Amino acid sequence: MALKGPQKSLRDWTKQDWDYINPKDKSKPRAKRGRYLPKNVRESLTPYQKAQENKKKRKASKSGKQRASYSKSVARKVRRAS
């Protein structure tokens, strides 16, 4: 049986090895966790970009938002990873 679009998307998403930028974030409370990105994107970011993305995500979480927008360069990398 062939997979439908959403099923293919989910299969591809699970193959991308998503995790937090900082591995220690798994044990932190949700409001203090940073970005959750695919492995190839995490590896391609500079230390400065990682710090900025984590800062942006934590600020949004602290203010009660579930999502924080990506910067343009990171958004481009995430789209290409998909």
PDB file of N, CA and C in Angstrom:
ATOM      1  N   MET A   1       0.842  -1.179   0.000  1.00  0.00           N
ATOM      2  CA  MET A   1       0.000   0.000   0.000  1.00  0.00           C
ATOM      3  C   MET A   1       0.896   1.254   0.000  1.00  0.00           C
ATOM      4  N   ALA A   2       0.621   2.165  -0.872  1.00  0.00           N
ATOM      5  CA  ALA A   2       1.409   3.391  -0.990  1.00  0.00           C
ATOM      6  C   ALA A   2       1.055   4.370   0.126  1.00  0.00           C
ATOM      7  N   LEU A   3       2.059   5.105   0.564  1.00  0.00           N
ATOM      8  CA  LEU A   3       1.834   6.100   1.606  1.00  0.00           C
ATOM      9  C   LEU A   3       1.232   7.362   1.001  1.00  0.00           C
ATOM     10  N   LYS A   4       0.365   8.015   1.788  1.00  0.00           N
ATOM     11  CA  LYS A   4      -0.215   9.294   1.361  1.00  0.00           C
ATOM     12  C   LYS A   4       0.735  10.417   1.774  1.00  0.00           C
ATOM     13  N   GLY A   5       0.461  11.617   1.288  1.00  0.00           N
ATOM     14  CA  GLY A   5       1.330  12.767   1.533  1.00  0.00           C
ATOM     15  C   GLY A   5       1.708  12.988   2.988  1.00  0.00           C
ATOM     16  N   PRO A   6       0.729  13.085   3.910  1.00  0.00           N
ATOM     17  CA  PRO A   6       1.076  13.312   5.314  1.00  0.00           C
ATOM     18  C   PRO A   6       1.909  12.172   5.910  1.00  0.00           C
ATOM     19  N   GLN A   7       1.662  10.960   5.470  1.00  0.00           N
ATOM     20  CA  GLN A   7       2.427   9.820   5.976  1.00  0.00           C
ATOM     21  C   GLN A   7       3.879   9.892   5.492  1.00  0.00           C
ATOM     22  N   LYS A   8       4.069  10.307   4.236  1.00  0.00           N
ATOM     23  CA  LYS A   8       5.423  10.465   3.706  1.00  0.00           C
ATOM     24  C   LYS A   8       6.162  11.577   4.452  1.00  0.00           C
ATOM     25  N   SER A   9       5.438  12.658   4.717  1.00  0.00           N
ATOM     26  CA  SER A   9       6.031  13.784   5.420  1.00  0.00           C
ATOM     27  C   SER A   9       6.489  13.373   6.817  1.00  0.00           C
ATOM     28  N   LEU A  10       5.665  12.624   7.523  1.00  0.00           N
ATOM     29  CA  LEU A  10       6.020  12.160   8.860  1.00  0.00           C
ATOM     30  C   LEU A  10       7.199  11.191   8.814  1.00  0.00           C
ATOM     31  N   ARG A  11       7.227  10.316   7.836  1.00  0.00           N
ATOM     32  CA  ARG A  11       8.334   9.377   7.678  1.00  0.00           C
ATOM     33  C   ARG A  11       9.644  10.135   7.435  1.00  0.00           C
ATOM     34  N   ASP A  12       9.590  11.127   6.553  1.00  0.00           N
ATOM     35  CA  ASP A  12      10.781  11.916   6.258  1.00  0.00           C
ATOM     36  C   ASP A  12      11.238  12.708   7.487  1.00  0.00           C
ATOM     37  N   TRP A  13      10.279  13.241   8.246  1.00  0.00           N
ATOM     38  CA  TRP A  13      10.589  14.023   9.442  1.00  0.00           C
ATOM     39  C   TRP A  13      11.328  13.161  10.463  1.00  0.00           C
ATOM     40  N   THR A  14      10.900  11.940  10.651  1.00  0.00           N
ATOM     41  CA  THR A  14      11.535  11.075  11.645  1.00  0.00           C
ATOM     42  C   THR A  14      12.946  10.660  11.218  1.00  0.00           C
ATOM     43  N   LYS A  15      13.225  10.628   9.935  1.00  0.00           N
ATOM     44  CA  LYS A  15      14.556  10.263   9.442  1.00  0.00           C
ATOM     45  C   LYS A  15      15.574  11.394   9.610  1.00  0.00           C
ATOM     46  N   GLN A  16      15.110  12.598   9.894  1.00  0.00           N
ATOM     47  CA  GLN A  16      16.010  13.753   9.961  1.00  0.00           C
ATOM     48  C   GLN A  16      16.757  13.884  11.284  1.00  0.00           C
ATOM     49  N   ASP A  17      16.486  13.064  12.265  1.00  0.00           N
ATOM     50  CA  ASP A  17      17.174  13.079  13.557  1.00  0.00           C
ATOM     51  C   ASP A  17      17.073  14.447  14.232  1.00  0.00           C
ATOM     52  N   TRP A  18      15.865  14.836  14.603  1.00  0.00           N
ATOM     53  CA  TRP A  18      15.623  16.103  15.276  1.00  0.00           C
ATOM     54  C   TRP A  18      16.046  16.003  16.733  1.00  0.00           C
ATOM     55  N   ASP A  19      16.619  17.085  17.255  1.00  0.00           N
ATOM     56  CA  ASP A  19      17.015  17.156  18.660  1.00  0.00           C
ATOM     57  C   ASP A  19      17.264  18.626  19.007  1.00  0.00           C
ATOM     58  N   TYR A  20      17.532  18.881  20.281  1.00  0.00           N
ATOM     59  CA  TYR A  20      17.828  20.246  20.715  1.00  0.00           C
ATOM     60  C   TYR A  20      19.252  20.620  20.324  1.00  0.00           C
ATOM     61  N   ILE A  21      19.483  21.914  20.130  1.00  0.00           N
ATOM     62  CA  ILE A  21      20.818  22.401  19.809  1.00  0.00           C
ATOM     63  C   ILE A  21      21.775  22.010  20.932  1.00  0.00           C
ATOM     64  N   ASN A  22      21.341  22.240  22.165  1.00  0.00           N
ATOM     65  CA  ASN A  22      22.134  21.873  23.335  1.00  0.00           C
ATOM     66  C   ASN A  22      21.582  20.556  23.888  1.00  0.00           C
ATOM     67  N   PRO A  23      22.353  19.472  23.877  1.00  0.00           N
ATOM     68  CA  PRO A  23      21.847  18.169  24.332  1.00  0.00           C
ATOM     69  C   PRO A  23      21.336  18.176  25.773  1.00  0.00           C
ATOM     70  N   LYS A  24      21.815  19.104  26.598  1.00  0.00           N
ATOM     71  CA  LYS A  24      21.375  19.167  27.990  1.00  0.00           C
ATOM     72  C   LYS A  24      19.954  19.713  28.132  1.00  0.00           C
ATOM     73  N   ASP A  25      19.399  20.280  27.065  1.00  0.00           N
ATOM     74  CA  ASP A  25      18.053  20.855  27.124  1.00  0.00           C
ATOM     75  C   ASP A  25      16.969  19.816  27.373  1.00  0.00           C
ATOM     76  N   LYS A  26      17.247  18.558  27.078  1.00  0.00           N
ATOM     77  CA  LYS A  26      16.240  17.514  27.277  1.00  0.00           C
ATOM     78  C   LYS A  26      15.799  17.417  28.734  1.00  0.00           C
ATOM     79  N   SER A  27      16.728  17.679  29.644  1.00  0.00           N
ATOM     80  CA  SER A  27      16.420  17.530  31.064  1.00  0.00           C
ATOM     81  C   SER A  27      15.904  18.813  31.706  1.00  0.00           C
ATOM     82  N   LYS A  28      15.845  19.903  30.949  1.00  0.00           N
ATOM     83  CA  LYS A  28      15.383  21.181  31.482  1.00  0.00           C
ATOM     84  C   LYS A  28      13.863  21.294  31.359  1.00  0.00           C
ATOM     85  N   PRO A  29      13.245  22.178  32.156  1.00  0.00           N
ATOM     86  CA  PRO A  29      11.812  22.432  31.984  1.00  0.00           C
ATOM     87  C   PRO A  29      11.559  23.015  30.588  1.00  0.00           C
ATOM     88  N   ARG A  30      10.394  22.797  30.058  1.00  0.00           N
ATOM     89  CA  ARG A  30      10.097  23.231  28.684  1.00  0.00           C
ATOM     90  C   ARG A  30      10.358  24.712  28.434  1.00  0.00           C
ATOM     91  N   ALA A  31      10.065  25.556  29.394  1.00  0.00           N
ATOM     92  CA  ALA A  31      10.249  26.997  29.211  1.00  0.00           C
ATOM     93  C   ALA A  31      11.717  27.392  29.097  1.00  0.00           C
ATOM     94  N   LYS A  32      12.620  26.514  29.491  1.00  0.00           N
ATOM     95  CA  LYS A  32      14.047  26.841  29.458  1.00  0.00           C
ATOM     96  C   LYS A  32      14.796  26.084  28.376  1.00  0.00           C
ATOM     97  N   ARG A  33      14.081  25.409  27.518  1.00  0.00           N
ATOM     98  CA  ARG A  33      14.721  24.673  26.425  1.00  0.00           C
ATOM     99  C   ARG A  33      14.949  25.588  25.230  1.00  0.00           C
ATOM    100  N   GLY A  34      15.910  25.212  24.405  1.00  0.00           N
ATOM    101  CA  GLY A  34      16.226  25.999  23.220  1.00  0.00           C
ATOM    102  C   GLY A  34      15.588  25.422  21.968  1.00  0.00           C
ATOM    103  N   ARG A  35      16.204  25.692  20.839  1.00  0.00           N
ATOM    104  CA  ARG A  35      15.696  25.244  19.541  1.00  0.00           C
ATOM    105  C   ARG A  35      15.770  23.738  19.361  1.00  0.00           C
ATOM    106  N   TYR A  36      14.814  23.226  18.610  1.00  0.00           N
ATOM    107  CA  TYR A  36      14.723  21.815  18.243  1.00  0.00           C
ATOM    108  C   TYR A  36      14.874  21.765  16.730  1.00  0.00           C
ATOM    109  N   LEU A  37      15.996  21.213  16.247  1.00  0.00           N
ATOM    110  CA  LEU A  37      16.315  21.273  14.822  1.00  0.00           C
ATOM    111  C   LEU A  37      16.828  19.931  14.306  1.00  0.00           C
ATOM    112  N   PRO A  38      16.757  19.722  12.974  1.00  0.00           N
ATOM    113  CA  PRO A  38      17.353  18.519  12.390  1.00  0.00           C
ATOM    114  C   PRO A  38      18.873  18.523  12.568  1.00  0.00           C
ATOM    115  N   LYS A  39      19.459  17.345  12.550  1.00  0.00           N
ATOM    116  CA  LYS A  39      20.893  17.196  12.799  1.00  0.00           C
ATOM    117  C   LYS A  39      21.739  18.002  11.818  1.00  0.00           C
ATOM    118  N   ASN A  40      21.433  17.941  10.530  1.00  0.00           N
ATOM    119  CA  ASN A  40      22.269  18.657   9.556  1.00  0.00           C
ATOM    120  C   ASN A  40      22.188  20.173   9.748  1.00  0.00           C
ATOM    121  N   VAL A  41      21.056  20.679  10.217  1.00  0.00           N
ATOM    122  CA  VAL A  41      20.941  22.118  10.486  1.00  0.00           C
ATOM    123  C   VAL A  41      21.731  22.469  11.742  1.00  0.00           C
ATOM    124  N   ARG A  42      21.605  21.661  12.785  1.00  0.00           N
ATOM    125  CA  ARG A  42      22.352  21.898  14.032  1.00  0.00           C
ATOM    126  C   ARG A  42      23.850  21.947  13.761  1.00  0.00           C
ATOM    127  N   GLU A  43      24.325  21.054  12.921  1.00  0.00           N
ATOM    128  CA  GLU A  43      25.760  20.994  12.632  1.00  0.00           C
ATOM    129  C   GLU A  43      26.232  22.150  11.758  1.00  0.00           C
ATOM    130  N   SER A  44      25.346  22.725  10.966  1.00  0.00           N
ATOM    131  CA  SER A  44      25.754  23.788  10.048  1.00  0.00           C
ATOM    132  C   SER A  44      25.711  25.181  10.681  1.00  0.00           C
ATOM    133  N   LEU A  45      25.114  25.322  11.867  1.00  0.00           N
ATOM    134  CA  LEU A  45      25.030  26.631  12.503  1.00  0.00           C
ATOM    135  C   LEU A  45      26.339  26.995  13.190  1.00  0.00           C
ATOM    136  N   THR A  46      26.646  28.277  13.172  1.00  0.00           N
ATOM    137  CA  THR A  46      27.807  28.772  13.904  1.00  0.00           C
ATOM    138  C   THR A  46      27.444  28.850  15.388  1.00  0.00           C
ATOM    139  N   PRO A  47      28.429  28.899  16.267  1.00  0.00           N
ATOM    140  CA  PRO A  47      28.116  29.045  17.696  1.00  0.00           C
ATOM    141  C   PRO A  47      27.269  30.296  17.979  1.00  0.00           C
ATOM    142  N   TYR A  48      27.535  31.381  17.263  1.00  0.00           N
ATOM    143  CA  TYR A  48      26.749  32.601  17.445  1.00  0.00           C
ATOM    144  C   TYR A  48      25.290  32.380  17.040  1.00  0.00           C
ATOM    145  N   GLN A  49      25.051  31.720  15.903  1.00  0.00           N
ATOM    146  CA  GLN A  49      23.684  31.450  15.453  1.00  0.00           C
ATOM    147  C   GLN A  49      22.955  30.552  16.449  1.00  0.00           C
ATOM    148  N   LYS A  50      23.662  29.551  16.972  1.00  0.00           N
ATOM    149  CA  LYS A  50      23.057  28.658  17.964  1.00  0.00           C
ATOM    150  C   LYS A  50      22.619  29.444  19.192  1.00  0.00           C
ATOM    151  N   ALA A  51      23.496  30.330  19.669  1.00  0.00           N
ATOM    152  CA  ALA A  51      23.185  31.131  20.850  1.00  0.00           C
ATOM    153  C   ALA A  51      21.996  32.045  20.588  1.00  0.00           C
ATOM    154  N   GLN A  52      21.968  32.676  19.414  1.00  0.00           N
ATOM    155  CA  GLN A  52      20.869  33.582  19.077  1.00  0.00           C
ATOM    156  C   GLN A  52      19.539  32.841  18.963  1.00  0.00           C
ATOM    157  N   GLU A  53      19.559  31.673  18.325  1.00  0.00           N
ATOM    158  CA  GLU A  53      18.325  30.901  18.161  1.00  0.00           C
ATOM    159  C   GLU A  53      17.805  30.405  19.512  1.00  0.00           C
ATOM    160  N   ASN A  54      18.700  29.934  20.363  1.00  0.00           N
ATOM    161  CA  ASN A  54      18.279  29.488  21.687  1.00  0.00           C
ATOM    162  C   ASN A  54      17.719  30.653  22.505  1.00  0.00           C
ATOM    163  N   LYS A  55      18.375  31.802  22.411  1.00  0.00           N
ATOM    164  CA  LYS A  55      17.918  32.987  23.141  1.00  0.00           C
ATOM    165  C   LYS A  55      16.516  33.397  22.676  1.00  0.00           C
ATOM    166  N   LYS A  56      16.309  33.377  21.378  1.00  0.00           N
ATOM    167  CA  LYS A  56      15.021  33.762  20.800  1.00  0.00           C
ATOM    168  C   LYS A  56      13.914  32.799  21.236  1.00  0.00           C
ATOM    169  N   LYS A  57      14.208  31.507  21.210  1.00  0.00           N
ATOM    170  CA  LYS A  57      13.226  30.493  21.595  1.00  0.00           C
ATOM    171  C   LYS A  57      12.891  30.590  23.081  1.00  0.00           C
ATOM    172  N   ARG A  58      13.901  30.756  23.916  1.00  0.00           N
ATOM    173  CA  ARG A  58      13.661  30.847  25.356  1.00  0.00           C
ATOM    174  C   ARG A  58      12.875  32.099  25.715  1.00  0.00           C
ATOM    175  N   LYS A  59      13.132  33.202  25.021  1.00  0.00           N
ATOM    176  CA  LYS A  59      12.388  34.438  25.267  1.00  0.00           C
ATOM    177  C   LYS A  59      10.912  34.251  24.923  1.00  0.00           C
ATOM    178  N   ALA A  60      10.644  33.604  23.798  1.00  0.00           N
ATOM    179  CA  ALA A  60       9.256  33.354  23.397  1.00  0.00           C
ATOM    180  C   ALA A  60       8.569  32.416  24.386  1.00  0.00           C
ATOM    181  N   SER A  61       9.275  31.377  24.815  1.00  0.00           N
ATOM    182  CA  SER A  61       8.700  30.427  25.771  1.00  0.00           C
ATOM    183  C   SER A  61       8.392  31.106  27.096  1.00  0.00           C
ATOM    184  N   LYS A  62       9.283  31.970  27.517  1.00  0.00           N
ATOM    185  CA  LYS A  62       9.097  32.676  28.787  1.00  0.00           C
ATOM    186  C   LYS A  62       7.871  33.585  28.736  1.00  0.00           C
ATOM    187  N   SER A  63       7.586  34.143  27.570  1.00  0.00           N
ATOM    188  CA  SER A  63       6.431  35.033  27.434  1.00  0.00           C
ATOM    189  C   SER A  63       5.145  34.261  27.132  1.00  0.00           C
ATOM    190  N   GLY A  64       5.198  32.929  27.191  1.00  0.00           N
ATOM    191  CA  GLY A  64       3.993  32.121  27.034  1.00  0.00           C
ATOM    192  C   GLY A  64       3.703  31.634  25.633  1.00  0.00           C
ATOM    193  N   LYS A  65       4.591  31.909  24.686  1.00  0.00           N
ATOM    194  CA  LYS A  65       4.378  31.462  23.319  1.00  0.00           C
ATOM    195  C   LYS A  65       4.977  30.073  23.128  1.00  0.00           C
ATOM    196  N   GLN A  66       4.307  29.257  22.340  1.00  0.00           N
ATOM    197  CA  GLN A  66       4.809  27.911  22.079  1.00  0.00           C
ATOM    198  C   GLN A  66       5.837  27.924  20.948  1.00  0.00           C
ATOM    199  N   ARG A  67       5.681  28.868  20.030  1.00  0.00           N
ATOM    200  CA  ARG A  67       6.563  28.924  18.863  1.00  0.00           C
ATOM    201  C   ARG A  67       7.309  30.239  18.800  1.00  0.00           C
ATOM    202  N   ALA A  68       8.471  30.190  18.203  1.00  0.00           N
ATOM    203  CA  ALA A  68       9.263  31.390  17.937  1.00  0.00           C
ATOM    204  C   ALA A  68       9.737  31.289  16.498  1.00  0.00           C
ATOM    205  N   SER A  69       9.631  32.373  15.762  1.00  0.00           N
ATOM    206  CA  SER A  69      10.024  32.320  14.356  1.00  0.00           C
ATOM    207  C   SER A  69      11.531  32.147  14.224  1.00  0.00           C
ATOM    208  N   TYR A  70      11.928  31.482  13.155  1.00  0.00           N
ATOM    209  CA  TYR A  70      13.345  31.294  12.860  1.00  0.00           C
ATOM    210  C   TYR A  70      13.900  32.566  12.241  1.00  0.00           C
ATOM    211  N   SER A  71      15.196  32.773  12.373  1.00  0.00           N
ATOM    212  CA  SER A  71      15.836  33.844  11.618  1.00  0.00           C
ATOM    213  C   SER A  71      15.842  33.410  10.145  1.00  0.00           C
ATOM    214  N   LYS A  72      16.060  34.337   9.242  1.00  0.00           N
ATOM    215  CA  LYS A  72      15.987  34.015   7.813  1.00  0.00           C
ATOM    216  C   LYS A  72      16.966  32.925   7.405  1.00  0.00           C
ATOM    217  N   SER A  73      18.201  33.008   7.900  1.00  0.00           N
ATOM    218  CA  SER A  73      19.209  32.028   7.489  1.00  0.00           C
ATOM    219  C   SER A  73      18.895  30.640   8.031  1.00  0.00           C
ATOM    220  N   VAL A  74      18.408  30.560   9.254  1.00  0.00           N
ATOM    221  CA  VAL A  74      18.070  29.261   9.839  1.00  0.00           C
ATOM    222  C   VAL A  74      16.809  28.703   9.180  1.00  0.00           C
ATOM    223  N   ALA A  75      15.846  29.554   8.892  1.00  0.00           N
ATOM    224  CA  ALA A  75      14.614  29.109   8.224  1.00  0.00           C
ATOM    225  C   ALA A  75      14.938  28.493   6.869  1.00  0.00           C
ATOM    226  N   ARG A  76      15.880  29.100   6.148  1.00  0.00           N
ATOM    227  CA  ARG A  76      16.289  28.571   4.841  1.00  0.00           C
ATOM    228  C   ARG A  76      16.908  27.184   5.000  1.00  0.00           C
ATOM    229  N   LYS A  77      17.740  27.017   6.021  1.00  0.00           N
ATOM    230  CA  LYS A  77      18.382  25.715   6.247  1.00  0.00           C
ATOM    231  C   LYS A  77      17.369  24.644   6.647  1.00  0.00           C
ATOM    232  N   VAL A  78      16.383  25.008   7.457  1.00  0.00           N
ATOM    233  CA  VAL A  78      15.361  24.057   7.880  1.00  0.00           C
ATOM    234  C   VAL A  78      14.515  23.640   6.680  1.00  0.00           C
ATOM    235  N   ARG A  79      14.164  24.594   5.831  1.00  0.00           N
ATOM    236  CA  ARG A  79      13.375  24.255   4.632  1.00  0.00           C
ATOM    237  C   ARG A  79      14.136  23.302   3.737  1.00  0.00           C
ATOM    238  N   ARG A  80      15.428  23.536   3.578  1.00  0.00           N
ATOM    239  CA  ARG A  80      16.246  22.667   2.710  1.00  0.00           C
ATOM    240  C   ARG A  80      16.429  21.273   3.312  1.00  0.00           C
ATOM    241  N   ALA A  81      16.366  21.190   4.634  1.00  0.00           N
ATOM    242  CA  ALA A  81      16.530  19.903   5.308  1.00  0.00           C
ATOM    243  C   ALA A  81      15.306  19.013   5.087  1.00  0.00           C
ATOM    244  N   SER A  82      14.181  19.636   4.838  1.00  0.00           N
ATOM    245  CA  SER A  82      12.926  18.880   4.692  1.00  0.00           C
ATOM    246  C   SER A  82      12.833  18.145   3.386  1.00  0.00           C
TER     247      SER A  82
END
